């Protein structure tokens, strides 16, 4: 994993440690003071402190992966709405061999998977990305996708990366606040 990817998900690592009630706690504690160490409830409070449902859902998908299917679908539908709304505003007509709603869902899933698992990027060509998404060459050519629909994928990436960044900042803020409160 490269440094940029590690930095992107650094704050989420804190949440993954001790996220369940039975997880061991490795946080430093002072013996004999009667203070309680940070537990999973403190960490889940970081998710609750986030401003938008999108940030909360992105965090759940990063932490729990496929186990958080409802959150995955929420993020996917949010991203798909970006493509559908902007294409409509731009006056784009529906592709001939794939419905725009299906295209939006497939591109949203691709954006999520490639953003949350950056190793995929190195293993797929542009045409391979479309194949990974489920868009076959008989449904849409790479040239047609790049010329018309790629711009909406870029908007989806920006929206997802922004949500990840906002969630990471919320985690960092909550973590600092919680740690400083536990030291008092």
C-alpha atoms as a PDB file:
ATOM      1  CA  UNK A   1       0.000   0.000   0.000  1.00  0.00           C
ATOM      2  CA  UNK A   2       1.471   3.350  -0.978  1.00  0.00           C
ATOM      3  CA  UNK A   3       1.770   6.344   1.326  1.00  0.00           C
ATOM      4  CA  UNK A   4      -1.151   8.278  -0.173  1.00  0.00           C
ATOM      5  CA  UNK A   5      -3.517   5.344   0.343  1.00  0.00           C
ATOM      6  CA  UNK A   6      -2.244   4.774   3.893  1.00  0.00           C
ATOM      7  CA  UNK A   7      -2.796   8.451   4.700  1.00  0.00           C
ATOM      8  CA  UNK A   8      -6.270   8.395   3.135  1.00  0.00           C
ATOM      9  CA  UNK A   9      -7.448   5.638   5.498  1.00  0.00           C
ATOM     10  CA  UNK A  10      -5.257   6.456   8.525  1.00  0.00           C
ATOM     11  CA  UNK A  11      -8.055   7.829  10.717  1.00  0.00           C
ATOM     12  CA  UNK A  12     -10.299   4.866   9.932  1.00  0.00           C
ATOM     13  CA  UNK A  13      -7.676   2.510  11.396  1.00  0.00           C
ATOM     14  CA  UNK A  14      -8.319   3.975  14.847  1.00  0.00           C
ATOM     15  CA  UNK A  15     -11.981   3.064  14.527  1.00  0.00           C
ATOM     16  CA  UNK A  16     -11.285  -0.515  13.493  1.00  0.00           C
ATOM     17  CA  UNK A  17      -9.336  -1.241  16.662  1.00  0.00           C
ATOM     18  CA  UNK A  18     -11.772  -2.291  19.349  1.00  0.00           C
ATOM     19  CA  UNK A  19     -14.925  -1.679  17.342  1.00  0.00           C
ATOM     20  CA  UNK A  20     -16.815  -4.615  18.853  1.00  0.00           C
ATOM     21  CA  UNK A  21     -17.841  -5.129  22.453  1.00  0.00           C
ATOM     22  CA  UNK A  22     -15.565  -8.171  22.832  1.00  0.00           C
ATOM     23  CA  UNK A  23     -12.459  -6.646  21.220  1.00  0.00           C
ATOM     24  CA  UNK A  24      -9.378  -6.445  23.411  1.00  0.00           C
ATOM     25  CA  UNK A  25      -8.370  -2.928  24.389  1.00  0.00           C
ATOM     26  CA  UNK A  26      -4.747  -1.970  23.775  1.00  0.00           C
ATOM     27  CA  UNK A  27      -5.093   1.736  24.537  1.00  0.00           C
ATOM     28  CA  UNK A  28      -2.732   3.052  27.208  1.00  0.00           C
ATOM     29  CA  UNK A  29      -4.362   3.408  30.605  1.00  0.00           C
ATOM     30  CA  UNK A  30      -3.209   4.669  33.948  1.00  0.00           C
ATOM     31  CA  UNK A  31      -3.675   2.012  36.620  1.00  0.00           C
ATOM     32  CA  UNK A  32      -5.182   3.006  39.916  1.00  0.00           C
ATOM     33  CA  UNK A  33      -6.809   6.248  38.803  1.00  0.00           C
ATOM     34  CA  UNK A  34     -10.222   4.719  38.260  1.00  0.00           C
ATOM     35  CA  UNK A  35     -10.392   6.088  34.701  1.00  0.00           C
ATOM     36  CA  UNK A  36     -12.076   3.973  32.078  1.00  0.00           C
ATOM     37  CA  UNK A  37     -10.125   3.300  28.889  1.00  0.00           C
ATOM     38  CA  UNK A  38     -11.644   4.155  25.506  1.00  0.00           C
ATOM     39  CA  UNK A  39     -13.991   1.422  24.358  1.00  0.00           C
ATOM     40  CA  UNK A  40     -15.988   0.563  21.274  1.00  0.00           C
ATOM     41  CA  UNK A  41     -18.773   2.941  22.307  1.00  0.00           C
ATOM     42  CA  UNK A  42     -16.331   5.842  22.202  1.00  0.00           C
ATOM     43  CA  UNK A  43     -15.248   4.834  18.728  1.00  0.00           C
ATOM     44  CA  UNK A  44     -18.821   4.409  17.495  1.00  0.00           C
ATOM     45  CA  UNK A  45     -19.452   7.903  18.843  1.00  0.00           C
ATOM     46  CA  UNK A  46     -17.045   9.153  16.163  1.00  0.00           C
ATOM     47  CA  UNK A  47     -19.397   7.817  13.499  1.00  0.00           C
ATOM     48  CA  UNK A  48     -22.413   9.335  15.246  1.00  0.00           C
ATOM     49  CA  UNK A  49     -20.678  12.732  15.329  1.00  0.00           C
ATOM     50  CA  UNK A  50     -20.448  12.925  11.535  1.00  0.00           C
ATOM     51  CA  UNK A  51     -22.648  15.504   9.863  1.00  0.00           C
ATOM     52  CA  UNK A  52     -24.096  13.605   6.903  1.00  0.00           C
ATOM     53  CA  UNK A  53     -25.477  10.142   6.372  1.00  0.00           C
ATOM     54  CA  UNK A  54     -23.129   9.809   3.395  1.00  0.00           C
ATOM     55  CA  UNK A  55     -20.086  10.259   5.670  1.00  0.00           C
ATOM     56  CA  UNK A  56     -21.483   7.739   8.151  1.00  0.00           C
ATOM     57  CA  UNK A  57     -22.216   5.220   5.420  1.00  0.00           C
ATOM     58  CA  UNK A  58     -18.807   5.648   3.773  1.00  0.00           C
ATOM     59  CA  UNK A  59     -17.184   5.068   7.160  1.00  0.00           C
ATOM     60  CA  UNK A  60     -19.264   1.934   7.740  1.00  0.00           C
ATOM     61  CA  UNK A  61     -18.304   0.600   4.296  1.00  0.00           C
ATOM     62  CA  UNK A  62     -14.604   1.282   4.934  1.00  0.00           C
ATOM     63  CA  UNK A  63     -14.687  -0.378   8.346  1.00  0.00           C
ATOM     64  CA  UNK A  64     -17.118  -3.251   7.868  1.00  0.00           C
ATOM     65  CA  UNK A  65     -16.806  -3.811   4.111  1.00  0.00           C
ATOM     66  CA  UNK A  66     -19.431  -6.036   2.523  1.00  0.00           C
ATOM     67  CA  UNK A  67     -21.045  -6.718   5.894  1.00  0.00           C
ATOM     68  CA  UNK A  68     -22.470  -3.202   5.708  1.00  0.00           C
ATOM     69  CA  UNK A  69     -24.644  -3.833   2.656  1.00  0.00           C
ATOM     70  CA  UNK A  70     -27.244  -1.152   3.432  1.00  0.00           C
ATOM     71  CA  UNK A  71     -24.555   1.513   3.739  1.00  0.00           C
ATOM     72  CA  UNK A  72     -22.893   0.271   0.543  1.00  0.00           C
ATOM     73  CA  UNK A  73     -26.204   0.588  -1.314  1.00  0.00           C
ATOM     74  CA  UNK A  74     -26.799   4.067   0.145  1.00  0.00           C
ATOM     75  CA  UNK A  75     -23.414   5.331  -1.064  1.00  0.00           C
ATOM     76  CA  UNK A  76     -23.906   3.629  -4.421  1.00  0.00           C
ATOM     77  CA  UNK A  77     -27.326   5.221  -4.917  1.00  0.00           C
ATOM     78  CA  UNK A  78     -25.948   8.639  -3.917  1.00  0.00           C
ATOM     79  CA  UNK A  79     -23.180   8.351  -6.516  1.00  0.00           C
ATOM     80  CA  UNK A  80     -25.567   6.997  -9.158  1.00  0.00           C
ATOM     81  CA  UNK A  81     -27.833   9.999  -8.585  1.00  0.00           C
ATOM     82  CA  UNK A  82     -24.899  12.255  -9.453  1.00  0.00           C
ATOM     83  CA  UNK A  83     -24.597  10.661 -12.892  1.00  0.00           C
ATOM     84  CA  UNK A  84     -28.353  10.580 -13.544  1.00  0.00           C
ATOM     85  CA  UNK A  85     -28.976  14.158 -12.380  1.00  0.00           C
ATOM     86  CA  UNK A  86     -26.029  15.734 -14.169  1.00  0.00           C
ATOM     87  CA  UNK A  87     -26.649  13.798 -17.381  1.00  0.00           C
ATOM     88  CA  UNK A  88     -30.252  14.994 -17.352  1.00  0.00           C
ATOM     89  CA  UNK A  89     -29.173  18.589 -16.682  1.00  0.00           C
ATOM     90  CA  UNK A  90     -26.679  18.344 -19.557  1.00  0.00           C
ATOM     91  CA  UNK A  91     -29.402  17.021 -21.863  1.00  0.00           C
ATOM     92  CA  UNK A  92     -27.731  13.648 -22.473  1.00  0.00           C
ATOM     93  CA  UNK A  93     -29.862  11.075 -24.172  1.00  0.00           C
ATOM     94  CA  UNK A  94     -30.053   7.548 -22.837  1.00  0.00           C
ATOM     95  CA  UNK A  95     -27.515   5.157 -24.375  1.00  0.00           C
ATOM     96  CA  UNK A  96     -29.022   2.734 -26.892  1.00  0.00           C
ATOM     97  CA  UNK A  97     -28.043  -0.580 -25.328  1.00  0.00           C
ATOM     98  CA  UNK A  98     -28.030   0.171 -21.608  1.00  0.00           C
ATOM     99  CA  UNK A  99     -30.460   2.127 -19.481  1.00  0.00           C
ATOM    100  CA  UNK A 100     -29.060   5.234 -17.860  1.00  0.00           C
ATOM    101  CA  UNK A 101     -30.148   4.033 -14.405  1.00  0.00           C
ATOM    102  CA  UNK A 102     -28.292   0.742 -14.901  1.00  0.00           C
ATOM    103  CA  UNK A 103     -25.240   2.580 -16.230  1.00  0.00           C
ATOM    104  CA  UNK A 104     -25.302   4.909 -13.214  1.00  0.00           C
ATOM    105  CA  UNK A 105     -25.487   1.989 -10.753  1.00  0.00           C
ATOM    106  CA  UNK A 106     -22.656   0.098 -12.477  1.00  0.00           C
ATOM    107  CA  UNK A 107     -20.384   3.145 -12.668  1.00  0.00           C
ATOM    108  CA  UNK A 108     -21.142   4.001  -9.030  1.00  0.00           C
ATOM    109  CA  UNK A 109     -20.177   0.482  -7.935  1.00  0.00           C
ATOM    110  CA  UNK A 110     -16.977   0.710  -9.982  1.00  0.00           C
ATOM    111  CA  UNK A 111     -16.100   4.096  -8.455  1.00  0.00           C
ATOM    112  CA  UNK A 112     -16.658   2.766  -4.942  1.00  0.00           C
ATOM    113  CA  UNK A 113     -14.666  -0.409  -5.459  1.00  0.00           C
ATOM    114  CA  UNK A 114     -11.735   1.350  -7.112  1.00  0.00           C
ATOM    115  CA  UNK A 115     -11.676   4.169  -4.531  1.00  0.00           C
ATOM    116  CA  UNK A 116     -11.880   1.848  -1.534  1.00  0.00           C
ATOM    117  CA  UNK A 117      -9.411  -0.677  -2.965  1.00  0.00           C
ATOM    118  CA  UNK A 118      -6.781   1.337  -4.882  1.00  0.00           C
ATOM    119  CA  UNK A 119      -4.894  -1.838  -5.837  1.00  0.00           C
ATOM    120  CA  UNK A 120      -7.614  -2.473  -8.425  1.00  0.00           C
ATOM    121  CA  UNK A 121      -6.478   0.565 -10.408  1.00  0.00           C
ATOM    122  CA  UNK A 122      -3.104  -0.986 -11.205  1.00  0.00           C
ATOM    123  CA  UNK A 123      -4.701  -4.214 -12.388  1.00  0.00           C
ATOM    124  CA  UNK A 124      -7.276  -2.907 -14.878  1.00  0.00           C
ATOM    125  CA  UNK A 125      -7.032  -1.039 -18.175  1.00  0.00           C
ATOM    126  CA  UNK A 126      -9.693   1.508 -19.113  1.00  0.00           C
ATOM    127  CA  UNK A 127     -11.634  -1.172 -20.991  1.00  0.00           C
ATOM    128  CA  UNK A 128     -11.075  -3.564 -18.086  1.00  0.00           C
ATOM    129  CA  UNK A 129     -12.605  -1.052 -15.672  1.00  0.00           C
ATOM    130  CA  UNK A 130     -15.785  -1.005 -17.739  1.00  0.00           C
ATOM    131  CA  UNK A 131     -15.796  -4.801 -17.882  1.00  0.00           C
ATOM    132  CA  UNK A 132     -15.276  -4.910 -14.095  1.00  0.00           C
ATOM    133  CA  UNK A 133     -18.249  -2.583 -13.706  1.00  0.00           C
ATOM    134  CA  UNK A 134     -20.411  -4.874 -15.803  1.00  0.00           C
ATOM    135  CA  UNK A 135     -20.576  -2.657 -18.878  1.00  0.00           C
ATOM    136  CA  UNK A 136     -19.860  -4.903 -21.845  1.00  0.00           C
ATOM    137  CA  UNK A 137     -18.318  -3.679 -25.096  1.00  0.00           C
ATOM    138  CA  UNK A 138     -21.542  -4.435 -26.996  1.00  0.00           C
ATOM    139  CA  UNK A 139     -23.427  -2.129 -24.607  1.00  0.00           C
ATOM    140  CA  UNK A 140     -21.040   0.812 -24.860  1.00  0.00           C
ATOM    141  CA  UNK A 141     -17.651   1.331 -26.462  1.00  0.00           C
ATOM    142  CA  UNK A 142     -14.746   2.754 -24.506  1.00  0.00           C
ATOM    143  CA  UNK A 143     -14.692   5.720 -26.876  1.00  0.00           C
ATOM    144  CA  UNK A 144     -18.381   6.466 -26.236  1.00  0.00           C
ATOM    145  CA  UNK A 145     -17.859   6.121 -22.479  1.00  0.00           C
ATOM    146  CA  UNK A 146     -14.795   8.384 -22.437  1.00  0.00           C
ATOM    147  CA  UNK A 147     -16.455  10.970 -24.665  1.00  0.00           C
ATOM    148  CA  UNK A 148     -19.784  11.178 -22.857  1.00  0.00           C
ATOM    149  CA  UNK A 149     -19.902   9.452 -19.480  1.00  0.00           C
ATOM    150  CA  UNK A 150     -16.369   9.639 -18.042  1.00  0.00           C
ATOM    151  CA  UNK A 151     -16.967  13.207 -16.826  1.00  0.00           C
ATOM    152  CA  UNK A 152     -19.754  11.946 -14.568  1.00  0.00           C
ATOM    153  CA  UNK A 153     -17.496   9.231 -13.192  1.00  0.00           C
ATOM    154  CA  UNK A 154     -15.046  11.995 -12.295  1.00  0.00           C
ATOM    155  CA  UNK A 155     -17.817  13.843 -10.417  1.00  0.00           C
ATOM    156  CA  UNK A 156     -18.610  10.637  -8.526  1.00  0.00           C
ATOM    157  CA  UNK A 157     -14.955  10.177  -7.569  1.00  0.00           C
ATOM    158  CA  UNK A 158     -14.784  13.753  -6.303  1.00  0.00           C
ATOM    159  CA  UNK A 159     -17.963  13.279  -4.235  1.00  0.00           C
ATOM    160  CA  UNK A 160     -16.728   9.998  -2.735  1.00  0.00           C
ATOM    161  CA  UNK A 161     -13.237  11.299  -1.978  1.00  0.00           C
ATOM    162  CA  UNK A 162     -14.777  14.392  -0.387  1.00  0.00           C
ATOM    163  CA  UNK A 163     -16.998  12.214   1.830  1.00  0.00           C
ATOM    164  CA  UNK A 164     -13.991  10.062   2.821  1.00  0.00           C
ATOM    165  CA  UNK A 165     -11.974  13.184   3.633  1.00  0.00           C
ATOM    166  CA  UNK A 166     -14.812  14.728   5.672  1.00  0.00           C
ATOM    167  CA  UNK A 167     -15.337  11.482   7.575  1.00  0.00           C
ATOM    168  CA  UNK A 168     -11.599  11.212   8.306  1.00  0.00           C
ATOM    169  CA  UNK A 169     -11.568  14.788   9.645  1.00  0.00           C
ATOM    170  CA  UNK A 170     -14.607  14.071  11.823  1.00  0.00           C
ATOM    171  CA  UNK A 171     -12.896  10.962  13.217  1.00  0.00           C
ATOM    172  CA  UNK A 172      -9.703  12.877  13.922  1.00  0.00           C
ATOM    173  CA  UNK A 173     -11.609  15.700  15.654  1.00  0.00           C
ATOM    174  CA  UNK A 174     -13.664  13.262  17.732  1.00  0.00           C
ATOM    175  CA  UNK A 175     -10.593  11.197  18.591  1.00  0.00           C
ATOM    176  CA  UNK A 176      -8.662  14.224  19.847  1.00  0.00           C
ATOM    177  CA  UNK A 177     -11.656  15.460  21.821  1.00  0.00           C
ATOM    178  CA  UNK A 178     -12.263  12.023  23.365  1.00  0.00           C
ATOM    179  CA  UNK A 179      -8.626  11.414  24.196  1.00  0.00           C
ATOM    180  CA  UNK A 180      -8.234  14.830  25.794  1.00  0.00           C
ATOM    181  CA  UNK A 181     -11.449  14.317  27.795  1.00  0.00           C
ATOM    182  CA  UNK A 182     -10.246  10.916  29.018  1.00  0.00           C
ATOM    183  CA  UNK A 183      -6.970  12.447  30.286  1.00  0.00           C
ATOM    184  CA  UNK A 184      -8.790  15.005  32.476  1.00  0.00           C
END
